[in-house]
């Protein structure tokens, strides 16, 4: 096994089945500790951000990251990475300290899904639509057509996200 997957070992003696793994220069605990640009797709980050916002919309007061993580069956340290992006985008606000937590800045009907997408977007949702490594079977015109289609699909997605709000998801 190469250095990319080397280092699989328990974190500490007696720890509950958590493993430390080193991959591509980053350490992961149970494959959760990643940054916005690591190998979790933008689609997954976007979905997690929406889930967080729906939890906050349903919670009428400050909601600690631990409570959000409990509802999502995840770890607070992992979710704080997403929360940070949502705070920077001024979609939510954070209050620090023992009585701290997160809350929505605006009414759910005033938060477009496009706002959320832009806050956490690390790459286009259509990334991976075309494999750019294998060029043997593509001519320039085929590649141009595929790239144009990819951009058109991304446009359809973003147009749809502009038309939907967080409130639309709550009313389902």
N, C-alpha and C. Protein backbone atom coordinates (compact mmCIF):
# COMPACT_ATOMS: atom_id res chain seq x y z
N UNK A 1 0.84 -1.17 0.00
CA UNK A 1 0.00 0.00 0.00
C UNK A 1 0.89 1.23 0.00
N UNK A 2 0.59 2.21 -0.87
CA UNK A 2 1.41 3.40 -0.99
C UNK A 2 1.17 4.37 0.13
N UNK A 3 1.89 5.49 0.09
CA UNK A 3 1.78 6.48 1.15
C UNK A 3 0.41 7.15 1.18
N UNK A 4 -0.35 7.08 0.09
CA UNK A 4 -1.67 7.71 0.07
C UNK A 4 -2.62 7.10 1.09
N UNK A 5 -2.56 5.83 1.30
CA UNK A 5 -3.48 5.19 2.23
C UNK A 5 -2.76 4.62 3.45
N UNK A 6 -1.49 4.94 3.57
CA UNK A 6 -0.72 4.43 4.70
C UNK A 6 -1.18 5.11 5.98
N UNK A 7 -0.93 4.48 7.07
CA UNK A 7 -1.18 5.11 8.35
C UNK A 7 -2.53 4.79 8.96
N UNK A 8 -3.24 3.80 8.47
CA UNK A 8 -4.52 3.40 9.07
C UNK A 8 -4.22 2.76 10.42
N UNK A 9 -4.68 3.44 11.49
CA UNK A 9 -4.43 2.93 12.83
C UNK A 9 -5.44 3.55 13.78
N UNK A 10 -5.67 2.92 14.93
CA UNK A 10 -6.58 3.51 15.92
C UNK A 10 -6.05 4.85 16.41
N UNK A 11 -6.93 5.77 16.74
CA UNK A 11 -6.53 7.07 17.24
C UNK A 11 -5.86 6.93 18.60
N UNK A 12 -6.50 6.25 19.52
CA UNK A 12 -5.89 5.98 20.82
C UNK A 12 -6.49 4.70 21.39
N UNK A 13 -5.77 4.11 22.28
CA UNK A 13 -6.21 2.85 22.87
C UNK A 13 -7.55 3.05 23.59
N UNK A 14 -8.49 2.16 23.31
CA UNK A 14 -9.80 2.23 23.94
C UNK A 14 -10.77 3.19 23.25
N UNK A 15 -10.35 3.88 22.19
CA UNK A 15 -11.24 4.81 21.49
C UNK A 15 -12.25 4.03 20.66
N UNK A 16 -13.48 4.50 20.59
CA UNK A 16 -14.50 3.78 19.82
C UNK A 16 -14.22 3.82 18.33
N UNK A 17 -13.92 2.74 17.74
CA UNK A 17 -13.69 2.48 16.32
C UNK A 17 -13.36 3.66 15.42
N UNK A 18 -12.71 4.69 15.94
CA UNK A 18 -12.29 5.80 15.10
C UNK A 18 -10.92 5.48 14.55
N UNK A 19 -10.72 5.80 13.28
CA UNK A 19 -9.43 5.55 12.68
C UNK A 19 -8.87 6.84 12.12
N UNK A 20 -7.59 6.93 12.17
CA UNK A 20 -6.87 8.04 11.59
C UNK A 20 -6.30 7.54 10.28
N UNK A 21 -6.57 8.27 9.20
CA UNK A 21 -6.09 7.85 7.90
C UNK A 21 -5.43 9.04 7.22
N UNK A 22 -4.29 8.80 6.61
CA UNK A 22 -3.56 9.83 5.88
C UNK A 22 -3.76 9.59 4.40
N UNK A 23 -4.24 10.59 3.69
CA UNK A 23 -4.50 10.45 2.26
C UNK A 23 -4.22 11.77 1.57
N UNK A 24 -3.36 11.76 0.59
CA UNK A 24 -3.04 12.94 -0.21
C UNK A 24 -2.67 14.15 0.64
N UNK A 25 -1.89 13.92 1.67
CA UNK A 25 -1.40 15.00 2.51
C UNK A 25 -2.36 15.51 3.56
N UNK A 26 -3.50 14.84 3.76
CA UNK A 26 -4.48 15.28 4.74
C UNK A 26 -4.80 14.12 5.66
N UNK A 27 -4.97 14.39 6.95
CA UNK A 27 -5.39 13.37 7.90
C UNK A 27 -6.90 13.38 8.02
N UNK A 28 -7.49 12.21 8.02
CA UNK A 28 -8.93 12.07 8.15
C UNK A 28 -9.26 11.19 9.34
N UNK A 29 -10.27 11.55 10.12
CA UNK A 29 -10.82 10.71 11.16
C UNK A 29 -12.14 10.17 10.64
N UNK A 30 -12.24 8.85 10.50
CA UNK A 30 -13.46 8.22 10.00
C UNK A 30 -13.95 8.85 8.70
N UNK A 31 -13.04 9.30 7.87
CA UNK A 31 -13.34 9.89 6.57
C UNK A 31 -14.22 11.13 6.65
N UNK A 32 -14.28 11.81 7.81
CA UNK A 32 -15.13 12.99 7.92
C UNK A 32 -14.34 14.30 7.91
N UNK A 33 -13.14 14.30 8.41
CA UNK A 33 -12.41 15.54 8.56
C UNK A 33 -11.86 16.00 7.21
N UNK A 34 -12.62 16.82 6.52
CA UNK A 34 -12.21 17.32 5.21
C UNK A 34 -12.53 18.80 5.13
N UNK A 35 -11.86 19.49 4.23
CA UNK A 35 -12.16 20.89 4.02
C UNK A 35 -13.04 21.01 2.79
N UNK A 36 -13.52 22.21 2.51
CA UNK A 36 -14.45 22.40 1.40
C UNK A 36 -13.85 21.99 0.05
N UNK A 37 -12.54 22.00 -0.08
CA UNK A 37 -11.94 21.67 -1.35
C UNK A 37 -11.45 20.23 -1.43
N UNK A 38 -11.60 19.46 -0.35
CA UNK A 38 -11.19 18.07 -0.40
C UNK A 38 -12.20 17.25 -1.18
N UNK A 39 -12.07 15.95 -1.15
CA UNK A 39 -12.78 15.10 -2.09
C UNK A 39 -14.27 14.92 -1.85
N UNK A 40 -14.86 15.56 -0.86
CA UNK A 40 -16.32 15.54 -0.76
C UNK A 40 -16.84 16.48 -1.84
N UNK A 41 -17.82 16.03 -2.60
CA UNK A 41 -18.30 16.83 -3.73
C UNK A 41 -19.10 18.05 -3.27
N UNK A 42 -19.17 19.04 -4.16
CA UNK A 42 -19.98 20.22 -3.87
C UNK A 42 -21.44 19.84 -3.67
N UNK A 43 -21.88 18.81 -4.35
CA UNK A 43 -23.26 18.35 -4.19
C UNK A 43 -23.49 17.93 -2.74
N UNK A 44 -22.55 17.21 -2.17
CA UNK A 44 -22.69 16.77 -0.77
C UNK A 44 -22.64 17.95 0.18
N UNK A 45 -21.69 18.89 -0.04
CA UNK A 45 -21.59 20.07 0.82
C UNK A 45 -22.89 20.85 0.75
N UNK A 46 -23.43 21.01 -0.44
CA UNK A 46 -24.67 21.76 -0.64
C UNK A 46 -25.82 21.07 0.11
N UNK A 47 -25.93 19.78 -0.02
CA UNK A 47 -26.97 19.03 0.68
C UNK A 47 -26.86 19.15 2.19
N UNK A 48 -25.65 19.07 2.71
CA UNK A 48 -25.44 19.22 4.15
C UNK A 48 -25.79 20.63 4.62
N UNK A 49 -25.41 21.63 3.83
CA UNK A 49 -25.73 23.02 4.17
C UNK A 49 -27.25 23.21 4.21
N UNK A 50 -27.96 22.64 3.25
CA UNK A 50 -29.42 22.76 3.25
C UNK A 50 -30.02 22.09 4.48
N UNK A 51 -29.51 20.91 4.84
CA UNK A 51 -30.01 20.22 6.03
C UNK A 51 -29.78 21.06 7.29
N UNK A 52 -28.62 21.67 7.40
CA UNK A 52 -28.32 22.54 8.54
C UNK A 52 -29.32 23.69 8.59
N UNK A 53 -29.55 24.32 7.45
CA UNK A 53 -30.46 25.47 7.41
C UNK A 53 -31.89 25.08 7.74
N UNK A 54 -32.31 23.91 7.30
CA UNK A 54 -33.66 23.44 7.61
C UNK A 54 -33.81 23.17 9.11
N UNK A 55 -32.76 22.64 9.72
CA UNK A 55 -32.78 22.43 11.17
C UNK A 55 -32.88 23.77 11.89
N UNK A 56 -32.09 24.75 11.45
CA UNK A 56 -32.12 26.08 12.07
C UNK A 56 -33.47 26.76 11.86
N UNK A 57 -34.07 26.58 10.69
CA UNK A 57 -35.37 27.18 10.40
C UNK A 57 -36.44 26.59 11.30
N UNK A 58 -36.27 25.35 11.67
CA UNK A 58 -37.23 24.65 12.51
C UNK A 58 -36.99 24.91 14.00
N UNK A 59 -35.85 25.51 14.31
CA UNK A 59 -35.44 25.78 15.69
C UNK A 59 -35.62 27.28 15.93
N UNK A 60 -36.42 27.67 16.88
CA UNK A 60 -36.77 29.09 17.06
C UNK A 60 -35.77 29.90 17.88
N UNK A 61 -34.72 29.27 18.33
CA UNK A 61 -33.72 29.96 19.14
C UNK A 61 -32.34 29.53 18.69
N UNK A 62 -31.32 30.05 19.38
CA UNK A 62 -29.95 29.64 19.06
C UNK A 62 -29.83 28.13 19.15
N UNK A 63 -29.17 27.56 18.16
CA UNK A 63 -29.00 26.11 18.12
C UNK A 63 -27.50 25.79 18.11
N UNK A 64 -26.98 25.15 19.14
CA UNK A 64 -25.56 24.82 19.19
C UNK A 64 -25.18 23.81 18.10
N UNK A 65 -23.94 23.85 17.67
CA UNK A 65 -23.48 22.92 16.63
C UNK A 65 -23.63 21.47 17.08
N UNK A 66 -23.51 21.22 18.38
CA UNK A 66 -23.68 19.86 18.89
C UNK A 66 -25.09 19.33 18.66
N UNK A 67 -26.08 20.19 18.81
CA UNK A 67 -27.47 19.79 18.59
C UNK A 67 -27.72 19.54 17.10
N UNK A 68 -27.16 20.40 16.26
CA UNK A 68 -27.28 20.20 14.80
C UNK A 68 -26.65 18.88 14.42
N UNK A 69 -25.44 18.64 14.93
CA UNK A 69 -24.72 17.40 14.63
C UNK A 69 -25.50 16.19 15.10
N UNK A 70 -26.12 16.29 16.27
CA UNK A 70 -26.91 15.18 16.80
C UNK A 70 -28.09 14.86 15.87
N UNK A 71 -28.77 15.89 15.39
CA UNK A 71 -29.91 15.69 14.49
C UNK A 71 -29.46 15.11 13.15
N UNK A 72 -28.25 15.48 12.72
CA UNK A 72 -27.74 15.00 11.43
C UNK A 72 -26.90 13.74 11.58
N UNK A 73 -26.71 13.28 12.81
CA UNK A 73 -25.87 12.11 13.09
C UNK A 73 -24.46 12.30 12.51
N UNK A 74 -23.90 13.45 12.82
CA UNK A 74 -22.56 13.80 12.36
C UNK A 74 -21.78 14.38 13.54
N UNK A 75 -20.58 14.89 13.25
CA UNK A 75 -19.74 15.46 14.30
C UNK A 75 -19.75 16.98 14.21
N UNK A 76 -19.84 17.66 15.35
CA UNK A 76 -19.86 19.13 15.33
C UNK A 76 -18.65 19.74 14.62
N UNK A 77 -17.48 19.17 14.82
CA UNK A 77 -16.27 19.73 14.20
C UNK A 77 -16.36 19.67 12.68
N UNK A 78 -16.97 18.65 12.16
CA UNK A 78 -17.16 18.50 10.71
C UNK A 78 -18.16 19.55 10.21
N UNK A 79 -19.28 19.69 10.89
CA UNK A 79 -20.33 20.61 10.46
C UNK A 79 -19.93 22.07 10.62
N UNK A 80 -19.03 22.36 11.57
CA UNK A 80 -18.60 23.75 11.76
C UNK A 80 -17.92 24.31 10.52
N UNK A 81 -17.33 23.46 9.71
CA UNK A 81 -16.71 23.93 8.47
C UNK A 81 -17.77 24.49 7.54
N UNK A 82 -18.90 23.84 7.47
CA UNK A 82 -20.00 24.32 6.64
C UNK A 82 -20.64 25.55 7.29
N UNK A 83 -20.83 25.49 8.59
CA UNK A 83 -21.41 26.61 9.33
C UNK A 83 -20.60 27.88 9.12
N UNK A 84 -19.28 27.75 9.11
CA UNK A 84 -18.39 28.90 8.89
C UNK A 84 -18.68 29.56 7.55
N UNK A 85 -18.86 28.77 6.51
CA UNK A 85 -19.16 29.33 5.19
C UNK A 85 -20.52 30.02 5.17
N UNK A 86 -21.48 29.46 5.88
CA UNK A 86 -22.81 30.06 5.94
C UNK A 86 -22.79 31.36 6.74
N UNK A 87 -21.96 31.45 7.77
CA UNK A 87 -21.81 32.68 8.54
C UNK A 87 -21.15 33.75 7.67
N UNK A 88 -20.07 33.40 6.97
CA UNK A 88 -19.37 34.36 6.10
C UNK A 88 -20.29 34.91 5.02
N UNK A 89 -21.22 34.08 4.54
CA UNK A 89 -22.17 34.51 3.52
C UNK A 89 -23.36 35.27 4.11
N UNK A 90 -23.35 35.44 5.44
CA UNK A 90 -24.40 36.15 6.17
C UNK A 90 -25.78 35.53 5.98
N UNK A 91 -25.80 34.20 5.89
CA UNK A 91 -27.06 33.46 5.84
C UNK A 91 -27.47 33.09 7.26
N UNK A 92 -26.47 32.81 8.09
CA UNK A 92 -26.71 32.53 9.51
C UNK A 92 -25.78 33.41 10.33
N UNK A 93 -26.07 33.50 11.61
CA UNK A 93 -25.15 34.21 12.52
C UNK A 93 -24.78 33.28 13.66
N UNK A 94 -23.63 33.53 14.21
CA UNK A 94 -23.11 32.70 15.29
C UNK A 94 -22.95 33.54 16.54
N UNK A 95 -23.27 32.92 17.66
CA UNK A 95 -22.99 33.52 18.96
C UNK A 95 -22.06 32.56 19.67
N UNK A 96 -20.92 33.05 20.10
CA UNK A 96 -19.93 32.19 20.76
C UNK A 96 -20.22 32.07 22.24
N UNK A 97 -19.60 31.07 22.84
CA UNK A 97 -19.69 30.91 24.29
C UNK A 97 -20.59 29.76 24.70
N UNK A 98 -20.72 29.59 26.02
CA UNK A 98 -21.48 28.47 26.57
C UNK A 98 -22.94 28.49 26.13
N UNK A 99 -23.52 29.64 26.03
CA UNK A 99 -24.92 29.78 25.62
C UNK A 99 -25.03 30.08 24.13
N UNK A 100 -23.97 29.81 23.40
CA UNK A 100 -23.91 30.16 21.98
C UNK A 100 -24.60 29.17 21.07
N UNK A 101 -24.55 29.49 19.81
CA UNK A 101 -25.14 28.63 18.79
C UNK A 101 -25.32 29.41 17.50
N UNK A 102 -26.18 28.89 16.65
CA UNK A 102 -26.40 29.46 15.33
C UNK A 102 -27.88 29.72 15.13
N UNK A 103 -28.17 30.74 14.33
CA UNK A 103 -29.54 31.06 13.98
C UNK A 103 -29.56 31.68 12.58
N UNK A 104 -30.70 31.58 11.91
CA UNK A 104 -30.84 32.19 10.60
C UNK A 104 -30.82 33.71 10.73
N UNK A 105 -30.24 34.39 9.74
CA UNK A 105 -30.21 35.84 9.73
C UNK A 105 -31.52 36.37 9.14
N UNK A 106 -32.07 35.65 8.16
CA UNK A 106 -33.27 36.08 7.46
C UNK A 106 -34.37 35.04 7.57
N UNK A 107 -35.54 35.44 7.19
CA UNK A 107 -36.67 34.53 7.11
C UNK A 107 -36.38 33.49 6.02
N UNK A 108 -36.78 32.23 6.19
CA UNK A 108 -36.52 31.19 5.18
C UNK A 108 -37.03 31.55 3.78
N UNK A 109 -38.09 32.34 3.68
CA UNK A 109 -38.61 32.73 2.36
C UNK A 109 -37.68 33.73 1.66
N UNK A 110 -36.77 34.31 2.40
CA UNK A 110 -35.83 35.28 1.83
C UNK A 110 -34.43 34.69 1.59
N UNK A 111 -34.29 33.39 1.77
CA UNK A 111 -33.00 32.73 1.53
C UNK A 111 -33.15 31.85 0.29
N UNK A 112 -32.56 32.29 -0.80
CA UNK A 112 -32.63 31.48 -2.03
C UNK A 112 -31.64 30.32 -1.94
N UNK A 113 -31.99 29.24 -2.60
CA UNK A 113 -31.08 28.09 -2.60
C UNK A 113 -29.79 28.44 -3.34
N UNK A 114 -29.87 29.41 -4.27
CA UNK A 114 -28.68 29.86 -4.98
C UNK A 114 -27.71 30.53 -4.02
N UNK A 115 -28.23 31.29 -3.05
CA UNK A 115 -27.41 31.92 -2.02
C UNK A 115 -26.60 30.86 -1.26
N UNK A 116 -27.28 29.78 -0.92
CA UNK A 116 -26.64 28.69 -0.18
C UNK A 116 -25.58 28.03 -1.05
N UNK A 117 -25.94 27.76 -2.30
CA UNK A 117 -25.02 27.13 -3.25
C UNK A 117 -23.75 27.96 -3.40
N UNK A 118 -23.91 29.26 -3.55
CA UNK A 118 -22.75 30.14 -3.71
C UNK A 118 -21.91 30.20 -2.43
N UNK A 119 -22.55 30.09 -1.27
CA UNK A 119 -21.83 30.15 0.00
C UNK A 119 -20.90 28.96 0.19
N UNK A 120 -21.28 27.79 -0.28
CA UNK A 120 -20.48 26.59 -0.01
C UNK A 120 -19.84 26.02 -1.26
N UNK A 121 -20.07 26.62 -2.40
CA UNK A 121 -19.58 26.07 -3.67
C UNK A 121 -18.06 26.00 -3.70
N UNK A 122 -17.56 24.80 -3.82
CA UNK A 122 -16.12 24.59 -3.98
C UNK A 122 -15.80 24.31 -5.44
N UNK A 123 -16.78 23.81 -6.15
CA UNK A 123 -16.63 23.47 -7.57
C UNK A 123 -18.04 23.38 -8.17
N UNK A 124 -18.17 23.47 -9.49
CA UNK A 124 -19.50 23.35 -10.09
C UNK A 124 -20.13 21.99 -9.80
N UNK A 125 -21.45 21.96 -9.68
CA UNK A 125 -22.14 20.70 -9.45
C UNK A 125 -21.92 19.72 -10.59
N UNK A 126 -21.61 20.25 -11.77
CA UNK A 126 -21.40 19.38 -12.93
C UNK A 126 -19.97 18.90 -13.06
N UNK A 127 -19.12 19.18 -12.08
CA UNK A 127 -17.74 18.68 -12.14
C UNK A 127 -17.76 17.16 -12.25
N UNK A 128 -16.96 16.64 -13.10
CA UNK A 128 -16.92 15.19 -13.30
C UNK A 128 -17.83 14.74 -14.44
N UNK A 129 -18.59 15.67 -15.00
CA UNK A 129 -19.47 15.34 -16.13
C UNK A 129 -18.66 14.83 -17.31
N UNK A 130 -17.47 15.42 -17.49
CA UNK A 130 -16.58 15.00 -18.57
C UNK A 130 -15.25 14.61 -17.96
N UNK A 131 -14.77 13.44 -18.30
CA UNK A 131 -13.46 13.00 -17.84
C UNK A 131 -12.42 13.64 -18.75
N UNK A 132 -11.66 14.56 -18.21
CA UNK A 132 -10.69 15.30 -19.04
C UNK A 132 -9.37 14.55 -19.20
N UNK A 133 -9.16 13.47 -18.43
CA UNK A 133 -7.90 12.74 -18.52
C UNK A 133 -7.81 11.89 -19.79
N UNK A 134 -8.89 11.28 -20.19
CA UNK A 134 -8.87 10.38 -21.34
C UNK A 134 -9.33 11.13 -22.59
N UNK A 135 -8.37 11.59 -23.39
CA UNK A 135 -8.71 12.38 -24.57
C UNK A 135 -8.59 11.56 -25.86
N UNK A 136 -8.23 10.29 -25.76
CA UNK A 136 -8.00 9.47 -26.94
C UNK A 136 -9.23 9.34 -27.84
N UNK A 137 -10.42 9.30 -27.25
CA UNK A 137 -11.62 9.08 -28.05
C UNK A 137 -12.37 10.36 -28.38
N UNK A 138 -11.82 11.51 -28.04
CA UNK A 138 -12.53 12.77 -28.28
C UNK A 138 -11.82 13.61 -29.33
N UNK A 139 -12.61 14.16 -30.21
CA UNK A 139 -12.10 15.15 -31.16
C UNK A 139 -12.36 16.52 -30.55
N UNK A 140 -11.72 17.56 -31.07
CA UNK A 140 -11.98 18.90 -30.52
C UNK A 140 -13.47 19.28 -30.58
N UNK A 141 -14.16 18.88 -31.64
CA UNK A 141 -15.58 19.25 -31.74
C UNK A 141 -16.43 18.49 -30.72
N UNK A 142 -16.09 17.22 -30.45
CA UNK A 142 -16.82 16.46 -29.43
C UNK A 142 -16.58 17.09 -28.06
N UNK A 143 -15.33 17.41 -27.77
CA UNK A 143 -15.01 18.02 -26.49
C UNK A 143 -15.72 19.35 -26.34
N UNK A 144 -15.73 20.17 -27.38
CA UNK A 144 -16.41 21.46 -27.35
C UNK A 144 -17.91 21.28 -27.08
N UNK A 145 -18.51 20.32 -27.75
CA UNK A 145 -19.93 20.05 -27.55
C UNK A 145 -20.24 19.60 -26.14
N UNK A 146 -19.39 18.75 -25.58
CA UNK A 146 -19.59 18.27 -24.22
C UNK A 146 -19.39 19.39 -23.19
N UNK A 147 -18.40 20.22 -23.41
CA UNK A 147 -18.15 21.34 -22.50
C UNK A 147 -19.32 22.33 -22.55
N UNK A 148 -19.84 22.57 -23.74
CA UNK A 148 -21.00 23.45 -23.89
C UNK A 148 -22.22 22.88 -23.17
N UNK A 149 -22.44 21.56 -23.30
CA UNK A 149 -23.55 20.91 -22.62
C UNK A 149 -23.37 21.00 -21.10
N UNK A 150 -22.15 20.76 -20.62
CA UNK A 150 -21.88 20.86 -19.18
C UNK A 150 -22.22 22.25 -18.65
N UNK A 151 -21.81 23.29 -19.38
CA UNK A 151 -22.10 24.66 -18.96
C UNK A 151 -23.60 24.95 -19.00
N UNK A 152 -24.28 24.40 -19.98
CA UNK A 152 -25.72 24.59 -20.09
C UNK A 152 -26.45 23.91 -18.91
N UNK A 153 -26.00 22.71 -18.56
CA UNK A 153 -26.59 22.00 -17.42
C UNK A 153 -26.37 22.80 -16.14
N UNK A 154 -25.17 23.31 -15.94
CA UNK A 154 -24.88 24.13 -14.75
C UNK A 154 -25.80 25.35 -14.73
N UNK A 155 -26.06 25.94 -15.89
CA UNK A 155 -26.99 27.08 -15.98
C UNK A 155 -28.40 26.69 -15.58
N UNK A 156 -28.86 25.52 -16.03
CA UNK A 156 -30.20 25.05 -15.65
C UNK A 156 -30.30 24.88 -14.14
N UNK A 157 -29.25 24.30 -13.56
CA UNK A 157 -29.23 24.07 -12.11
C UNK A 157 -29.29 25.39 -11.36
N UNK A 158 -28.43 26.33 -11.73
CA UNK A 158 -28.37 27.60 -11.00
C UNK A 158 -29.66 28.42 -11.22
N UNK A 159 -30.24 28.35 -12.41
CA UNK A 159 -31.52 29.04 -12.63
C UNK A 159 -32.59 28.47 -11.72
N UNK A 160 -32.64 27.15 -11.58
CA UNK A 160 -33.61 26.51 -10.69
C UNK A 160 -33.38 26.87 -9.24
N UNK A 161 -32.13 26.97 -8.83
CA UNK A 161 -31.81 27.31 -7.44
C UNK A 161 -32.20 28.75 -7.11
N UNK A 162 -32.12 29.64 -8.11
CA UNK A 162 -32.53 31.03 -7.91
C UNK A 162 -34.03 31.15 -7.65
N UNK A 163 -34.81 30.22 -8.20
CA UNK A 163 -36.27 30.27 -8.09
C UNK A 163 -36.80 29.64 -6.81
N UNK A 164 -35.99 28.88 -6.12
CA UNK A 164 -36.42 28.18 -4.90
C UNK A 164 -35.85 28.85 -3.67
N UNK A 165 -36.62 28.78 -2.59
CA UNK A 165 -36.13 29.32 -1.31
C UNK A 165 -36.13 28.21 -0.26
N UNK A 166 -35.54 28.51 0.84
CA UNK A 166 -35.52 27.56 1.96
C UNK A 166 -36.96 27.27 2.41
N UNK A 167 -37.82 28.27 2.35
CA UNK A 167 -39.22 28.08 2.73
C UNK A 167 -39.91 27.06 1.83
N UNK A 168 -39.55 27.01 0.56
CA UNK A 168 -40.14 26.02 -0.35
C UNK A 168 -39.85 24.59 0.13
N UNK A 169 -38.68 24.38 0.71
CA UNK A 169 -38.33 23.05 1.22
C UNK A 169 -39.05 22.75 2.53
N UNK A 170 -39.32 23.77 3.31
CA UNK A 170 -40.03 23.58 4.58
C UNK A 170 -41.49 23.24 4.38
N UNK A 171 -42.06 23.71 3.29
CA UNK A 171 -43.49 23.53 3.04
C UNK A 171 -43.83 22.20 2.40
N UNK A 172 -42.88 21.33 2.23
CA UNK A 172 -43.13 20.02 1.58
C UNK A 172 -43.62 19.02 2.57
